Amino acid sequence: MPISPICIDAGIVVRLVVFPNDGAVQSLWKTWTAGRHEIIAPALLYYEVANVLYQYQKRGDLTAEMATTAINVALALPVEIHSDSAMHGASLDVARRYGLPATYDAHYVALAQFYGAVLWTTDQRLVNRCQQECVRMVE
C-alpha cells in the first residue's frame, strides 16, 4: 500500500524555518520525512512564505539577513510543488463550499483532496471551516 502524501501550508513552513525550537512542527516534520511521505503544496506556497517573512521583517521580528536565510532554507525543503491549472477551478469550488474569504487556502484543500492527502495547517479558522475535509491542525 503506497504511503499517502502530506500537504502542508505556508504556516507549517514558516514555523519550520523561523522557529527551530517549535517541537510540534519539528516532530511532525521528522515523522513525515522518516516515513518517506511525499510532502506536497500548491505553487503559491513560497509566495506566501516570502510574504510572511517580509511582514516579520517589517515588524522587526526578523532582520533582512534572517528573512533571506529563512526563505533559502524554506526553498531547500523537500516539498513537491504542484501547479496544475485544474486546481484553480477546484479551489473556487472549495472556497464556495466552505465560505472561505479567499481562494488561497482553498488551493491547499483542493490539492489535498486531489491527492488523497491530509492537509496540515497552523490556521485554526481553516480547520474550523473545513472540518469535513482531511485538514489537521498543528498546535
N, C-alpha and C. Protein backbone atom coordinates (compact mmCIF):
# COMPACT_ATOMS: atom_id res chain seq x y z
N MET A 1 0.84 -1.18 0.00
CA MET A 1 0.00 0.00 0.00
C MET A 1 0.89 1.25 0.00
N PRO A 2 0.67 2.17 -0.95
CA PRO A 2 1.51 3.38 -1.00
C PRO A 2 1.26 4.28 0.21
N ILE A 3 2.28 5.01 0.56
CA ILE A 3 2.18 5.97 1.67
C ILE A 3 1.49 7.21 1.14
N SER A 4 0.46 7.67 1.85
CA SER A 4 -0.26 8.85 1.38
C SER A 4 0.59 10.09 1.55
N PRO A 5 0.47 11.02 0.61
CA PRO A 5 1.24 12.26 0.73
C PRO A 5 0.72 13.14 1.86
N ILE A 6 1.53 14.08 2.24
CA ILE A 6 1.19 15.09 3.24
C ILE A 6 1.20 16.43 2.52
N CYS A 7 0.11 17.18 2.65
CA CYS A 7 0.04 18.53 2.09
C CYS A 7 0.28 19.52 3.22
N ILE A 8 1.13 20.49 2.99
CA ILE A 8 1.42 21.49 4.02
C ILE A 8 1.12 22.89 3.48
N ASP A 9 0.83 23.79 4.42
CA ASP A 9 0.61 25.17 4.02
C ASP A 9 1.78 26.04 4.47
N ALA A 10 1.70 27.31 4.16
CA ALA A 10 2.80 28.24 4.45
C ALA A 10 3.08 28.36 5.94
N GLY A 11 2.04 28.25 6.76
CA GLY A 11 2.24 28.35 8.20
C GLY A 11 3.18 27.28 8.73
N ILE A 12 3.07 26.08 8.18
CA ILE A 12 3.95 24.98 8.58
C ILE A 12 5.39 25.32 8.22
N VAL A 13 5.61 25.78 6.99
CA VAL A 13 6.96 26.09 6.53
C VAL A 13 7.56 27.23 7.35
N VAL A 14 6.77 28.27 7.60
CA VAL A 14 7.28 29.40 8.39
C VAL A 14 7.70 28.93 9.78
N ARG A 15 6.87 28.13 10.41
CA ARG A 15 7.24 27.63 11.74
C ARG A 15 8.47 26.75 11.69
N LEU A 16 8.65 25.98 10.62
CA LEU A 16 9.84 25.15 10.48
C LEU A 16 11.11 25.98 10.40
N VAL A 17 11.07 27.03 9.59
CA VAL A 17 12.30 27.77 9.31
C VAL A 17 12.55 28.95 10.24
N VAL A 18 11.52 29.48 10.87
CA VAL A 18 11.70 30.64 11.75
C VAL A 18 11.77 30.23 13.22
N PHE A 19 11.09 29.16 13.55
CA PHE A 19 11.03 28.73 14.95
C PHE A 19 11.59 27.32 15.09
N PRO A 20 12.91 27.16 15.05
CA PRO A 20 13.51 25.82 15.09
C PRO A 20 13.25 25.06 16.38
N ASN A 21 12.81 25.76 17.42
CA ASN A 21 12.51 25.09 18.69
C ASN A 21 11.03 24.74 18.83
N ASP A 22 10.27 24.90 17.75
CA ASP A 22 8.84 24.56 17.76
C ASP A 22 8.73 23.04 17.71
N GLY A 23 8.59 22.44 18.87
CA GLY A 23 8.59 20.99 18.97
C GLY A 23 7.50 20.30 18.17
N ALA A 24 6.30 20.87 18.13
CA ALA A 24 5.19 20.23 17.43
C ALA A 24 5.48 20.09 15.94
N VAL A 25 5.90 21.18 15.31
CA VAL A 25 6.16 21.15 13.87
C VAL A 25 7.41 20.32 13.57
N GLN A 26 8.44 20.50 14.37
CA GLN A 26 9.68 19.75 14.13
C GLN A 26 9.44 18.24 14.25
N SER A 27 8.65 17.85 15.23
CA SER A 27 8.36 16.43 15.43
C SER A 27 7.57 15.85 14.25
N LEU A 28 6.55 16.58 13.81
CA LEU A 28 5.78 16.13 12.65
C LEU A 28 6.66 16.03 11.41
N TRP A 29 7.49 17.03 11.20
CA TRP A 29 8.36 17.04 10.02
C TRP A 29 9.27 15.82 10.03
N LYS A 30 9.86 15.53 11.17
CA LYS A 30 10.74 14.35 11.28
C LYS A 30 9.96 13.07 11.01
N THR A 31 8.76 12.97 11.52
CA THR A 31 7.93 11.80 11.29
C THR A 31 7.61 11.64 9.81
N TRP A 32 7.23 12.75 9.17
CA TRP A 32 6.89 12.69 7.75
C TRP A 32 8.08 12.29 6.90
N THR A 33 9.21 12.92 7.14
CA THR A 33 10.38 12.64 6.30
C THR A 33 10.94 11.24 6.59
N ALA A 34 10.94 10.83 7.85
CA ALA A 34 11.41 9.49 8.19
C ALA A 34 10.50 8.42 7.60
N GLY A 35 9.21 8.72 7.53
CA GLY A 35 8.23 7.81 6.96
C GLY A 35 8.17 7.84 5.46
N ARG A 36 9.01 8.63 4.87
CA ARG A 36 9.11 8.76 3.40
C ARG A 36 7.80 9.21 2.74
N HIS A 37 7.07 10.05 3.46
CA HIS A 37 5.87 10.65 2.86
C HIS A 37 6.31 11.67 1.83
N GLU A 38 5.59 11.73 0.73
CA GLU A 38 5.79 12.82 -0.21
C GLU A 38 5.11 14.03 0.40
N ILE A 39 5.82 15.13 0.48
CA ILE A 39 5.28 16.36 1.04
C ILE A 39 4.98 17.28 -0.13
N ILE A 40 3.72 17.70 -0.20
CA ILE A 40 3.26 18.46 -1.37
C ILE A 40 2.65 19.80 -0.94
N ALA A 41 2.61 20.71 -1.89
CA ALA A 41 1.97 22.02 -1.68
C ALA A 41 1.69 22.64 -3.05
N PRO A 42 0.72 23.54 -3.09
CA PRO A 42 0.47 24.26 -4.35
C PRO A 42 1.57 25.29 -4.61
N ALA A 43 1.65 25.74 -5.83
CA ALA A 43 2.72 26.66 -6.24
C ALA A 43 2.73 27.96 -5.44
N LEU A 44 1.62 28.34 -4.86
CA LEU A 44 1.59 29.60 -4.12
C LEU A 44 2.30 29.52 -2.77
N LEU A 45 2.74 28.34 -2.37
CA LEU A 45 3.39 28.16 -1.07
C LEU A 45 4.49 29.18 -0.81
N TYR A 46 5.45 29.26 -1.70
CA TYR A 46 6.61 30.11 -1.43
C TYR A 46 6.30 31.60 -1.56
N TYR A 47 5.28 31.95 -2.34
CA TYR A 47 4.83 33.34 -2.36
C TYR A 47 4.34 33.74 -0.98
N GLU A 48 3.55 32.85 -0.38
CA GLU A 48 3.02 33.13 0.95
C GLU A 48 4.12 33.14 2.01
N VAL A 49 5.04 32.19 1.92
CA VAL A 49 6.15 32.14 2.89
C VAL A 49 6.97 33.42 2.80
N ALA A 50 7.31 33.83 1.58
CA ALA A 50 8.10 35.05 1.40
C ALA A 50 7.37 36.26 1.98
N ASN A 51 6.07 36.32 1.78
CA ASN A 51 5.30 37.45 2.30
C ASN A 51 5.31 37.46 3.83
N VAL A 52 5.11 36.31 4.46
CA VAL A 52 5.13 36.25 5.92
C VAL A 52 6.50 36.68 6.45
N LEU A 53 7.55 36.19 5.82
CA LEU A 53 8.90 36.56 6.26
C LEU A 53 9.12 38.06 6.13
N TYR A 54 8.64 38.63 5.04
CA TYR A 54 8.76 40.08 4.85
C TYR A 54 7.97 40.84 5.91
N GLN A 55 6.76 40.36 6.24
CA GLN A 55 5.96 41.00 7.28
C GLN A 55 6.68 40.93 8.63
N TYR A 56 7.28 39.79 8.94
CA TYR A 56 8.08 39.66 10.18
C TYR A 56 9.23 40.67 10.17
N GLN A 57 9.86 40.82 9.01
CA GLN A 57 10.97 41.76 8.90
C GLN A 57 10.47 43.19 9.11
N LYS A 58 9.36 43.56 8.49
CA LYS A 58 8.82 44.91 8.64
C LYS A 58 8.47 45.22 10.09
N ARG A 59 7.99 44.21 10.83
CA ARG A 59 7.64 44.40 12.24
C ARG A 59 8.86 44.41 13.14
N GLY A 60 9.99 44.02 12.60
CA GLY A 60 11.20 43.97 13.40
C GLY A 60 11.44 42.64 14.09
N ASP A 61 10.63 41.63 13.75
CA ASP A 61 10.82 40.31 14.34
C ASP A 61 11.99 39.56 13.71
N LEU A 62 12.32 39.89 12.47
CA LEU A 62 13.46 39.30 11.76
C LEU A 62 14.27 40.41 11.12
N THR A 63 15.56 40.21 11.04
CA THR A 63 16.39 41.13 10.25
C THR A 63 16.27 40.73 8.78
N ALA A 64 16.73 41.58 7.90
CA ALA A 64 16.71 41.25 6.47
C ALA A 64 17.54 40.00 6.21
N GLU A 65 18.65 39.88 6.88
CA GLU A 65 19.52 38.71 6.71
C GLU A 65 18.80 37.43 7.19
N MET A 66 18.13 37.54 8.31
CA MET A 66 17.40 36.38 8.84
C MET A 66 16.27 35.96 7.88
N ALA A 67 15.56 36.94 7.33
CA ALA A 67 14.48 36.63 6.39
C ALA A 67 15.04 35.96 5.13
N THR A 68 16.16 36.46 4.65
CA THR A 68 16.79 35.87 3.46
C THR A 68 17.25 34.44 3.75
N THR A 69 17.85 34.24 4.89
CA THR A 69 18.27 32.88 5.27
C THR A 69 17.06 31.97 5.38
N ALA A 70 15.99 32.46 6.00
CA ALA A 70 14.79 31.64 6.18
C ALA A 70 14.16 31.24 4.85
N ILE A 71 14.10 32.15 3.88
CA ILE A 71 13.50 31.79 2.60
C ILE A 71 14.38 30.78 1.88
N ASN A 72 15.69 30.91 2.01
CA ASN A 72 16.59 29.94 1.38
C ASN A 72 16.45 28.56 2.00
N VAL A 73 16.29 28.51 3.32
CA VAL A 73 16.06 27.23 4.00
C VAL A 73 14.72 26.65 3.54
N ALA A 74 13.70 27.49 3.47
CA ALA A 74 12.38 27.03 3.03
C ALA A 74 12.44 26.45 1.62
N LEU A 75 13.13 27.14 0.73
CA LEU A 75 13.23 26.68 -0.66
C LEU A 75 13.99 25.36 -0.79
N ALA A 76 14.82 25.05 0.18
CA ALA A 76 15.59 23.80 0.16
C ALA A 76 14.83 22.61 0.75
N LEU A 77 13.68 22.85 1.35
CA LEU A 77 12.91 21.76 1.94
C LEU A 77 12.41 20.82 0.84
N PRO A 78 12.32 19.53 1.14
CA PRO A 78 11.86 18.56 0.13
C PRO A 78 10.33 18.59 -0.04
N VAL A 79 9.85 19.66 -0.65
CA VAL A 79 8.42 19.83 -0.88
C VAL A 79 8.18 19.77 -2.38
N GLU A 80 7.28 18.91 -2.79
CA GLU A 80 6.91 18.78 -4.20
C GLU A 80 5.85 19.84 -4.49
N ILE A 81 6.20 20.78 -5.35
CA ILE A 81 5.30 21.89 -5.69
C ILE A 81 4.44 21.50 -6.88
N HIS A 82 3.14 21.72 -6.75
CA HIS A 82 2.18 21.39 -7.81
C HIS A 82 1.54 22.66 -8.34
N SER A 83 1.53 22.78 -9.66
CA SER A 83 0.94 23.97 -10.28
C SER A 83 -0.08 23.59 -11.35
N ASP A 84 -0.76 22.49 -11.14
CA ASP A 84 -1.78 22.03 -12.06
C ASP A 84 -2.88 23.08 -12.18
N SER A 85 -3.16 23.52 -13.39
CA SER A 85 -4.15 24.57 -13.59
C SER A 85 -5.56 24.14 -13.18
N ALA A 86 -5.82 22.85 -13.12
CA ALA A 86 -7.14 22.37 -12.68
C ALA A 86 -7.41 22.71 -11.22
N MET A 87 -6.36 22.95 -10.46
CA MET A 87 -6.53 23.28 -9.04
C MET A 87 -7.22 24.63 -8.86
N HIS A 88 -7.10 25.53 -9.83
CA HIS A 88 -7.72 26.84 -9.69
C HIS A 88 -9.25 26.71 -9.67
N GLY A 89 -9.78 25.93 -10.59
CA GLY A 89 -11.22 25.71 -10.59
C GLY A 89 -11.68 24.95 -9.35
N ALA A 90 -10.89 23.97 -8.95
CA ALA A 90 -11.23 23.20 -7.75
C ALA A 90 -11.18 24.09 -6.51
N SER A 91 -10.26 25.04 -6.49
CA SER A 91 -10.17 25.93 -5.33
C SER A 91 -11.38 26.85 -5.25
N LEU A 92 -11.93 27.24 -6.38
CA LEU A 92 -13.17 28.03 -6.37
C LEU A 92 -14.30 27.23 -5.74
N ASP A 93 -14.39 25.97 -6.12
CA ASP A 93 -15.43 25.10 -5.55
C ASP A 93 -15.27 24.96 -4.05
N VAL A 94 -14.04 24.73 -3.60
CA VAL A 94 -13.78 24.56 -2.17
C VAL A 94 -14.12 25.85 -1.42
N ALA A 95 -13.68 26.99 -1.96
CA ALA A 95 -13.94 28.27 -1.30
C ALA A 95 -15.43 28.53 -1.17
N ARG A 96 -16.18 28.22 -2.22
CA ARG A 96 -17.64 28.39 -2.17
C ARG A 96 -18.28 27.45 -1.16
N ARG A 97 -17.88 26.19 -1.21
CA ARG A 97 -18.49 25.16 -0.35
C ARG A 97 -18.30 25.49 1.13
N TYR A 98 -17.14 26.02 1.49
CA TYR A 98 -16.85 26.27 2.90
C TYR A 98 -16.91 27.74 3.29
N GLY A 99 -17.32 28.59 2.36
CA GLY A 99 -17.45 30.01 2.67
C GLY A 99 -16.13 30.65 3.07
N LEU A 100 -15.06 30.26 2.39
CA LEU A 100 -13.75 30.83 2.71
C LEU A 100 -13.66 32.26 2.19
N PRO A 101 -12.93 33.13 2.86
CA PRO A 101 -12.85 34.53 2.45
C PRO A 101 -12.04 34.75 1.17
N ALA A 102 -11.21 33.79 0.79
CA ALA A 102 -10.39 33.89 -0.42
C ALA A 102 -10.08 32.47 -0.89
N THR A 103 -9.46 32.35 -2.05
CA THR A 103 -9.15 31.01 -2.57
C THR A 103 -7.75 30.53 -2.23
N TYR A 104 -6.96 31.35 -1.56
CA TYR A 104 -5.59 30.93 -1.25
C TYR A 104 -5.59 29.62 -0.47
N ASP A 105 -6.26 29.59 0.68
CA ASP A 105 -6.32 28.38 1.49
C ASP A 105 -7.04 27.26 0.74
N ALA A 106 -8.00 27.62 -0.08
CA ALA A 106 -8.76 26.62 -0.84
C ALA A 106 -7.86 25.85 -1.81
N HIS A 107 -6.79 26.48 -2.29
CA HIS A 107 -5.85 25.76 -3.16
C HIS A 107 -5.19 24.60 -2.41
N TYR A 108 -4.85 24.83 -1.15
CA TYR A 108 -4.25 23.76 -0.35
C TYR A 108 -5.25 22.62 -0.14
N VAL A 109 -6.48 22.98 0.20
CA VAL A 109 -7.52 21.98 0.43
C VAL A 109 -7.78 21.20 -0.86
N ALA A 110 -7.90 21.89 -1.98
CA ALA A 110 -8.16 21.23 -3.27
C ALA A 110 -7.02 20.28 -3.63
N LEU A 111 -5.80 20.70 -3.40
CA LEU A 111 -4.65 19.83 -3.71
C LEU A 111 -4.67 18.59 -2.83
N ALA A 112 -4.94 18.78 -1.55
CA ALA A 112 -5.02 17.64 -0.63
C ALA A 112 -6.13 16.67 -1.06
N GLN A 113 -7.27 17.22 -1.44
CA GLN A 113 -8.37 16.37 -1.91
C GLN A 113 -7.96 15.56 -3.13
N PHE A 114 -7.34 16.23 -4.09
CA PHE A 114 -6.96 15.60 -5.35
C PHE A 114 -6.00 14.43 -5.13
N TYR A 115 -5.05 14.60 -4.20
CA TYR A 115 -4.04 13.57 -3.96
C TYR A 115 -4.38 12.65 -2.79
N GLY A 116 -5.55 12.81 -2.20
CA GLY A 116 -5.90 11.97 -1.06
C GLY A 116 -4.97 12.17 0.12
N ALA A 117 -4.54 13.41 0.28
CA ALA A 117 -3.59 13.76 1.33
C ALA A 117 -4.29 14.39 2.52
N VAL A 118 -3.60 14.42 3.63
CA VAL A 118 -4.03 15.22 4.78
C VAL A 118 -3.35 16.57 4.64
N LEU A 119 -4.12 17.63 4.80
CA LEU A 119 -3.55 18.98 4.80
C LEU A 119 -3.25 19.37 6.24
N TRP A 120 -2.00 19.68 6.50
CA TRP A 120 -1.59 20.17 7.82
C TRP A 120 -1.44 21.67 7.75
N THR A 121 -1.98 22.35 8.74
CA THR A 121 -2.00 23.80 8.76
C THR A 121 -1.80 24.32 10.18
N THR A 122 -1.51 25.59 10.28
CA THR A 122 -1.45 26.28 11.57
C THR A 122 -2.63 27.24 11.70
N ASP A 123 -3.55 27.16 10.75
CA ASP A 123 -4.68 28.09 10.66
C ASP A 123 -5.94 27.47 11.26
N GLN A 124 -6.24 27.84 12.49
CA GLN A 124 -7.42 27.28 13.18
C GLN A 124 -8.71 27.61 12.45
N ARG A 125 -8.81 28.81 11.86
CA ARG A 125 -10.03 29.17 11.13
C ARG A 125 -10.28 28.23 9.95
N LEU A 126 -9.20 27.86 9.26
CA LEU A 126 -9.35 26.94 8.13
C LEU A 126 -9.81 25.57 8.62
N VAL A 127 -9.24 25.10 9.71
CA VAL A 127 -9.66 23.82 10.28
C VAL A 127 -11.13 23.88 10.68
N ASN A 128 -11.54 24.97 11.31
CA ASN A 128 -12.94 25.10 11.73
C ASN A 128 -13.90 25.09 10.55
N ARG A 129 -13.53 25.72 9.46
CA ARG A 129 -14.43 25.80 8.30
C ARG A 129 -14.44 24.50 7.49
N CYS A 130 -13.34 23.81 7.47
CA CYS A 130 -13.21 22.62 6.61
C CYS A 130 -13.13 21.33 7.42
N GLN A 131 -13.89 21.24 8.48
CA GLN A 131 -13.84 20.07 9.35
C GLN A 131 -14.16 18.77 8.63
N GLN A 132 -14.95 18.84 7.57
CA GLN A 132 -15.33 17.62 6.85
C GLN A 132 -14.21 17.13 5.95
N GLU A 133 -13.23 17.95 5.71
CA GLU A 133 -12.11 17.56 4.87
C GLU A 133 -10.99 16.99 5.72
N CYS A 134 -9.97 16.51 5.07
CA CYS A 134 -8.81 15.98 5.79
C CYS A 134 -7.84 17.11 6.12
N VAL A 135 -8.27 18.00 6.98
CA VAL A 135 -7.46 19.15 7.40
C VAL A 135 -7.13 18.97 8.87
N ARG A 136 -5.85 19.03 9.19
CA ARG A 136 -5.40 18.84 10.58
C ARG A 136 -4.63 20.05 11.05
N MET A 137 -4.78 20.33 12.31
CA MET A 137 -4.14 21.50 12.95
C MET A 137 -2.87 21.09 13.67
N VAL A 138 -1.83 21.88 13.47
CA VAL A 138 -0.62 21.74 14.27
C VAL A 138 -0.72 22.81 15.34
N GLU A 139 -0.76 22.39 16.57
CA GLU A 139 -0.94 23.32 17.70
C GLU A 139 0.39 23.91 18.11
